[in-house]
Amino acid sequence: MADFFSILSNSIMTAPTPSNTKYVPVDPDHYNGTWKGAYSTGEKFSFSISDVHGFRAKVKYQSDKSPARYQEVLIKDNSFRIGDTKFLLKKVGHAQIKTVVTNPATGGTVLNTAYADLV
């Protein structure tokens, strides 16, 4: 039982803390449009971002190896999540993409990082 509590305590100590910033309106011109990129594996992906109002947007995420995902997102700290993928606006027209990929055979996960440009 002691091991359980030490694991729980360590997990709490190392867990990421949530952002203390508030949701604030973003510039729609920085996000609206089609973003394209490719992972190091050669898999291509795209984001179609539209209807940006305040800090809300509608997003379609499509990659070569997965079906299209549609979601309304909240933009905070220049980023949003759609499924297992995080979009982070690094500078106008350039974003960092991180996607967690799970191996169905082993259950292991890998974090793929790539960059996308507004086209």
N, C-alpha and C. Protein backbone atom coordinates (compact mmCIF):
# COMPACT_ATOMS: atom_id res chain seq x y z
N MET A 1 0.82 -1.20 0.00
CA MET A 1 0.00 0.00 0.00
C MET A 1 0.86 1.26 0.00
N ALA A 2 2.01 1.17 0.68
CA ALA A 2 2.90 2.33 0.73
C ALA A 2 3.42 2.68 -0.65
N ASP A 3 3.70 1.65 -1.48
CA ASP A 3 4.17 1.92 -2.83
C ASP A 3 3.14 2.70 -3.63
N PHE A 4 1.88 2.35 -3.46
CA PHE A 4 0.81 3.04 -4.15
C PHE A 4 0.82 4.52 -3.82
N PHE A 5 0.94 4.85 -2.54
CA PHE A 5 0.92 6.25 -2.12
C PHE A 5 2.17 7.00 -2.57
N SER A 6 3.31 6.33 -2.59
CA SER A 6 4.52 7.01 -3.06
C SER A 6 4.42 7.28 -4.57
N ILE A 7 3.85 6.33 -5.32
CA ILE A 7 3.65 6.55 -6.76
C ILE A 7 2.69 7.69 -6.98
N LEU A 8 1.59 7.70 -6.24
CA LEU A 8 0.60 8.77 -6.36
C LEU A 8 1.22 10.12 -6.01
N SER A 9 2.00 10.16 -4.94
CA SER A 9 2.65 11.41 -4.52
C SER A 9 3.62 11.90 -5.59
N ASN A 10 4.42 10.99 -6.15
CA ASN A 10 5.38 11.38 -7.20
C ASN A 10 4.65 11.86 -8.44
N SER A 11 3.55 11.23 -8.77
CA SER A 11 2.78 11.63 -9.96
C SER A 11 2.23 13.04 -9.79
N ILE A 12 1.75 13.33 -8.62
CA ILE A 12 1.19 14.66 -8.35
C ILE A 12 2.29 15.72 -8.42
N MET A 13 3.46 15.38 -7.91
CA MET A 13 4.57 16.33 -7.89
C MET A 13 5.10 16.62 -9.28
N THR A 14 5.04 15.63 -10.20
CA THR A 14 5.61 15.81 -11.52
C THR A 14 4.57 16.14 -12.58
N ALA A 15 3.30 16.17 -12.23
CA ALA A 15 2.25 16.46 -13.21
C ALA A 15 2.35 17.91 -13.66
N PRO A 16 2.08 18.15 -14.96
CA PRO A 16 2.13 19.54 -15.44
C PRO A 16 1.03 20.36 -14.78
N THR A 17 1.36 21.59 -14.51
CA THR A 17 0.37 22.47 -13.89
C THR A 17 -0.43 23.17 -14.98
N PRO A 18 -1.71 23.37 -14.75
CA PRO A 18 -2.52 24.05 -15.75
C PRO A 18 -2.11 25.52 -15.87
N SER A 19 -2.34 26.07 -17.04
CA SER A 19 -2.01 27.47 -17.29
C SER A 19 -2.93 28.36 -16.47
N ASN A 20 -2.37 29.41 -15.90
CA ASN A 20 -3.15 30.36 -15.11
C ASN A 20 -3.64 31.53 -15.95
N THR A 21 -3.34 31.51 -17.25
CA THR A 21 -3.78 32.61 -18.10
C THR A 21 -5.25 32.43 -18.46
N LYS A 22 -5.88 33.54 -18.79
CA LYS A 22 -7.29 33.53 -19.17
C LYS A 22 -7.40 33.38 -20.68
N TYR A 23 -8.58 32.96 -21.11
CA TYR A 23 -8.86 32.95 -22.55
C TYR A 23 -9.02 34.40 -23.00
N VAL A 24 -8.29 34.76 -24.03
CA VAL A 24 -8.37 36.11 -24.58
C VAL A 24 -8.57 36.02 -26.09
N PRO A 25 -9.23 37.00 -26.68
CA PRO A 25 -9.43 36.98 -28.13
C PRO A 25 -8.11 36.95 -28.88
N VAL A 26 -8.09 36.21 -29.99
CA VAL A 26 -6.90 36.12 -30.83
C VAL A 26 -7.18 36.81 -32.17
N ASP A 27 -6.14 37.10 -32.89
CA ASP A 27 -6.28 37.70 -34.23
C ASP A 27 -6.65 36.60 -35.21
N PRO A 28 -7.85 36.65 -35.79
CA PRO A 28 -8.29 35.58 -36.71
C PRO A 28 -7.35 35.39 -37.89
N ASP A 29 -6.69 36.46 -38.35
CA ASP A 29 -5.78 36.36 -39.49
C ASP A 29 -4.57 35.47 -39.19
N HIS A 30 -4.23 35.30 -37.92
CA HIS A 30 -3.09 34.46 -37.55
C HIS A 30 -3.42 32.98 -37.63
N TYR A 31 -4.71 32.63 -37.63
CA TYR A 31 -5.13 31.22 -37.57
C TYR A 31 -5.91 30.77 -38.80
N ASN A 32 -6.83 31.59 -39.32
CA ASN A 32 -7.71 31.19 -40.42
C ASN A 32 -6.91 30.73 -41.63
N GLY A 33 -7.36 29.62 -42.22
CA GLY A 33 -6.74 29.14 -43.46
C GLY A 33 -6.35 27.69 -43.37
N THR A 34 -5.58 27.26 -44.35
CA THR A 34 -5.12 25.87 -44.42
C THR A 34 -3.65 25.82 -44.06
N TRP A 35 -3.33 24.94 -43.14
CA TRP A 35 -1.97 24.74 -42.67
C TRP A 35 -1.52 23.35 -43.13
N LYS A 36 -0.32 23.24 -43.69
CA LYS A 36 0.16 21.95 -44.16
C LYS A 36 1.57 21.67 -43.65
N GLY A 37 1.82 20.37 -43.44
CA GLY A 37 3.14 19.94 -43.01
C GLY A 37 3.29 18.45 -43.16
N ALA A 38 4.43 17.93 -42.70
CA ALA A 38 4.70 16.50 -42.76
C ALA A 38 5.54 16.10 -41.55
N TYR A 39 5.25 14.90 -41.04
CA TYR A 39 6.04 14.34 -39.94
C TYR A 39 7.34 13.76 -40.51
N SER A 40 8.29 13.44 -39.65
CA SER A 40 9.56 12.87 -40.10
C SER A 40 9.37 11.51 -40.77
N THR A 41 8.24 10.88 -40.53
CA THR A 41 7.93 9.59 -41.15
C THR A 41 7.47 9.75 -42.60
N GLY A 42 7.26 10.98 -43.03
CA GLY A 42 6.76 11.24 -44.38
C GLY A 42 5.25 11.42 -44.43
N GLU A 43 4.58 11.12 -43.32
CA GLU A 43 3.11 11.27 -43.26
C GLU A 43 2.75 12.76 -43.34
N LYS A 44 1.92 13.10 -44.31
CA LYS A 44 1.50 14.49 -44.49
C LYS A 44 0.22 14.75 -43.70
N PHE A 45 0.03 16.00 -43.29
CA PHE A 45 -1.16 16.38 -42.54
C PHE A 45 -1.56 17.79 -42.91
N SER A 46 -2.79 18.14 -42.57
CA SER A 46 -3.25 19.51 -42.78
C SER A 46 -4.28 19.88 -41.73
N PHE A 47 -4.33 21.15 -41.45
CA PHE A 47 -5.35 21.73 -40.58
C PHE A 47 -6.11 22.75 -41.42
N SER A 48 -7.41 22.72 -41.34
CA SER A 48 -8.23 23.77 -41.95
C SER A 48 -8.91 24.47 -40.79
N ILE A 49 -8.54 25.72 -40.57
CA ILE A 49 -9.06 26.49 -39.44
C ILE A 49 -9.95 27.59 -39.99
N SER A 50 -11.15 27.68 -39.45
CA SER A 50 -12.10 28.68 -39.93
C SER A 50 -12.93 29.22 -38.78
N ASP A 51 -13.69 30.24 -39.10
CA ASP A 51 -14.67 30.80 -38.16
C ASP A 51 -14.05 31.16 -36.81
N VAL A 52 -12.89 31.82 -36.85
CA VAL A 52 -12.23 32.23 -35.60
C VAL A 52 -12.91 33.48 -35.08
N HIS A 53 -13.51 33.36 -33.91
CA HIS A 53 -14.18 34.48 -33.24
C HIS A 53 -13.75 34.47 -31.79
N GLY A 54 -13.15 35.57 -31.34
CA GLY A 54 -12.67 35.62 -29.96
C GLY A 54 -11.55 34.61 -29.79
N PHE A 55 -11.78 33.60 -28.97
CA PHE A 55 -10.79 32.55 -28.77
C PHE A 55 -11.32 31.19 -29.21
N ARG A 56 -12.41 31.19 -30.00
CA ARG A 56 -13.02 29.95 -30.50
C ARG A 56 -12.76 29.81 -32.00
N ALA A 57 -12.67 28.55 -32.45
CA ALA A 57 -12.46 28.29 -33.87
C ALA A 57 -13.01 26.91 -34.23
N LYS A 58 -13.25 26.72 -35.53
CA LYS A 58 -13.64 25.42 -36.05
C LYS A 58 -12.44 24.86 -36.80
N VAL A 59 -12.12 23.58 -36.51
CA VAL A 59 -10.91 22.98 -37.06
C VAL A 59 -11.21 21.62 -37.68
N LYS A 60 -10.57 21.37 -38.82
CA LYS A 60 -10.57 20.05 -39.44
C LYS A 60 -9.11 19.62 -39.49
N TYR A 61 -8.81 18.45 -38.91
CA TYR A 61 -7.45 17.89 -38.96
C TYR A 61 -7.49 16.64 -39.82
N GLN A 62 -6.58 16.56 -40.78
CA GLN A 62 -6.53 15.41 -41.69
C GLN A 62 -5.08 14.99 -41.85
N SER A 63 -4.82 13.68 -41.72
CA SER A 63 -3.49 13.16 -42.02
C SER A 63 -3.63 11.99 -42.98
N ASP A 64 -2.51 11.58 -43.56
CA ASP A 64 -2.52 10.49 -44.52
C ASP A 64 -3.02 9.18 -43.91
N LYS A 65 -2.77 8.99 -42.61
CA LYS A 65 -3.06 7.69 -41.99
C LYS A 65 -4.25 7.69 -41.05
N SER A 66 -5.03 8.75 -41.04
CA SER A 66 -6.19 8.76 -40.13
C SER A 66 -7.36 9.47 -40.80
N PRO A 67 -8.56 9.15 -40.35
CA PRO A 67 -9.72 9.85 -40.90
C PRO A 67 -9.75 11.31 -40.45
N ALA A 68 -10.47 12.11 -41.19
CA ALA A 68 -10.58 13.53 -40.84
C ALA A 68 -11.27 13.68 -39.49
N ARG A 69 -10.79 14.64 -38.70
CA ARG A 69 -11.42 14.97 -37.42
C ARG A 69 -11.88 16.41 -37.47
N TYR A 70 -13.10 16.61 -37.03
CA TYR A 70 -13.69 17.95 -36.98
C TYR A 70 -13.95 18.29 -35.52
N GLN A 71 -13.63 19.53 -35.13
CA GLN A 71 -13.85 19.90 -33.74
C GLN A 71 -13.89 21.42 -33.61
N GLU A 72 -14.71 21.88 -32.68
CA GLU A 72 -14.65 23.28 -32.28
C GLU A 72 -13.66 23.35 -31.13
N VAL A 73 -12.73 24.30 -31.20
CA VAL A 73 -11.65 24.38 -30.21
C VAL A 73 -11.64 25.73 -29.52
N LEU A 74 -10.98 25.76 -28.38
CA LEU A 74 -10.72 26.98 -27.64
C LEU A 74 -9.22 27.24 -27.73
N ILE A 75 -8.85 28.44 -28.13
CA ILE A 75 -7.44 28.80 -28.29
C ILE A 75 -6.97 29.50 -27.02
N LYS A 76 -5.93 28.95 -26.42
CA LYS A 76 -5.37 29.53 -25.19
C LYS A 76 -3.85 29.40 -25.27
N ASP A 77 -3.16 30.45 -24.92
CA ASP A 77 -1.69 30.47 -24.98
C ASP A 77 -1.20 30.11 -26.38
N ASN A 78 -1.88 30.59 -27.40
CA ASN A 78 -1.54 30.38 -28.81
C ASN A 78 -1.64 28.92 -29.25
N SER A 79 -2.41 28.10 -28.52
CA SER A 79 -2.50 26.69 -28.89
C SER A 79 -3.90 26.14 -28.65
N PHE A 80 -4.14 24.98 -29.27
CA PHE A 80 -5.37 24.23 -29.05
C PHE A 80 -5.08 22.76 -29.31
N ARG A 81 -5.99 21.91 -28.85
CA ARG A 81 -5.87 20.47 -29.06
C ARG A 81 -7.05 19.99 -29.88
N ILE A 82 -6.77 19.01 -30.74
CA ILE A 82 -7.82 18.32 -31.46
C ILE A 82 -7.44 16.84 -31.41
N GLY A 83 -8.19 16.07 -30.67
CA GLY A 83 -7.84 14.66 -30.46
C GLY A 83 -6.52 14.55 -29.74
N ASP A 84 -5.61 13.75 -30.29
CA ASP A 84 -4.28 13.54 -29.70
C ASP A 84 -3.25 14.51 -30.27
N THR A 85 -3.71 15.55 -30.93
CA THR A 85 -2.81 16.48 -31.61
C THR A 85 -2.90 17.87 -31.01
N LYS A 86 -1.75 18.50 -30.81
CA LYS A 86 -1.70 19.86 -30.30
C LYS A 86 -1.10 20.77 -31.36
N PHE A 87 -1.75 21.89 -31.58
CA PHE A 87 -1.32 22.92 -32.53
C PHE A 87 -0.84 24.10 -31.71
N LEU A 88 0.39 24.55 -31.94
CA LEU A 88 0.94 25.70 -31.23
C LEU A 88 1.47 26.71 -32.24
N LEU A 89 0.88 27.89 -32.26
CA LEU A 89 1.32 28.96 -33.15
C LEU A 89 2.63 29.52 -32.60
N LYS A 90 3.73 29.29 -33.35
CA LYS A 90 5.04 29.76 -32.92
C LYS A 90 5.29 31.20 -33.36
N LYS A 91 4.88 31.50 -34.60
CA LYS A 91 4.93 32.86 -35.14
C LYS A 91 3.92 32.90 -36.27
N VAL A 92 3.60 34.07 -36.74
CA VAL A 92 2.59 34.21 -37.79
C VAL A 92 2.98 33.35 -39.00
N GLY A 93 2.08 32.46 -39.39
CA GLY A 93 2.30 31.60 -40.54
C GLY A 93 3.09 30.34 -40.28
N HIS A 94 3.49 30.09 -39.02
CA HIS A 94 4.33 28.93 -38.69
C HIS A 94 3.88 28.34 -37.35
N ALA A 95 3.58 27.03 -37.34
CA ALA A 95 3.08 26.37 -36.13
C ALA A 95 3.84 25.08 -35.86
N GLN A 96 3.90 24.73 -34.59
CA GLN A 96 4.48 23.45 -34.17
C GLN A 96 3.34 22.49 -33.89
N ILE A 97 3.45 21.26 -34.39
CA ILE A 97 2.42 20.25 -34.23
C ILE A 97 3.01 19.08 -33.45
N LYS A 98 2.30 18.63 -32.42
CA LYS A 98 2.72 17.46 -31.66
C LYS A 98 1.55 16.49 -31.61
N THR A 99 1.82 15.24 -32.00
CA THR A 99 0.78 14.21 -32.02
C THR A 99 1.27 12.99 -31.28
N VAL A 100 0.45 12.47 -30.38
CA VAL A 100 0.75 11.24 -29.67
C VAL A 100 0.23 10.09 -30.52
N VAL A 101 1.14 9.16 -30.85
CA VAL A 101 0.78 7.99 -31.64
C VAL A 101 0.95 6.75 -30.77
N THR A 102 -0.12 5.94 -30.69
CA THR A 102 -0.09 4.72 -29.88
C THR A 102 0.06 3.51 -30.78
N ASN A 103 1.01 2.64 -30.46
CA ASN A 103 1.21 1.40 -31.19
C ASN A 103 0.15 0.41 -30.71
N PRO A 104 -0.77 -0.04 -31.57
CA PRO A 104 -1.83 -0.93 -31.12
C PRO A 104 -1.33 -2.30 -30.65
N ALA A 105 -0.19 -2.73 -31.14
CA ALA A 105 0.33 -4.04 -30.77
C ALA A 105 0.96 -4.04 -29.37
N THR A 106 1.70 -2.96 -29.06
CA THR A 106 2.43 -2.93 -27.79
C THR A 106 1.80 -2.01 -26.76
N GLY A 107 0.99 -1.06 -27.22
CA GLY A 107 0.42 -0.08 -26.31
C GLY A 107 1.36 1.07 -26.02
N GLY A 108 2.58 1.00 -26.57
CA GLY A 108 3.56 2.07 -26.37
C GLY A 108 3.16 3.32 -27.14
N THR A 109 3.63 4.47 -26.67
CA THR A 109 3.31 5.72 -27.33
C THR A 109 4.58 6.44 -27.78
N VAL A 110 4.42 7.22 -28.83
CA VAL A 110 5.50 8.03 -29.37
C VAL A 110 4.93 9.42 -29.62
N LEU A 111 5.72 10.45 -29.36
CA LEU A 111 5.31 11.82 -29.62
C LEU A 111 5.97 12.28 -30.91
N ASN A 112 5.16 12.47 -31.96
CA ASN A 112 5.65 12.98 -33.24
C ASN A 112 5.56 14.50 -33.21
N THR A 113 6.64 15.15 -33.57
CA THR A 113 6.68 16.61 -33.64
C THR A 113 6.98 17.03 -35.07
N ALA A 114 6.25 18.01 -35.54
CA ALA A 114 6.45 18.51 -36.90
C ALA A 114 6.09 20.00 -36.92
N TYR A 115 6.26 20.59 -38.09
CA TYR A 115 5.92 22.00 -38.25
C TYR A 115 4.98 22.15 -39.43
N ALA A 116 4.11 23.13 -39.34
CA ALA A 116 3.14 23.39 -40.41
C ALA A 116 3.22 24.87 -40.77
N ASP A 117 2.96 25.13 -42.04
CA ASP A 117 2.97 26.50 -42.53
C ASP A 117 1.60 26.82 -43.12
N LEU A 118 1.21 28.06 -42.97
CA LEU A 118 -0.04 28.55 -43.55
C LEU A 118 0.18 28.70 -45.05
N VAL A 119 -0.71 28.05 -45.83
CA VAL A 119 -0.56 28.11 -47.30
C VAL A 119 -1.65 28.94 -47.92
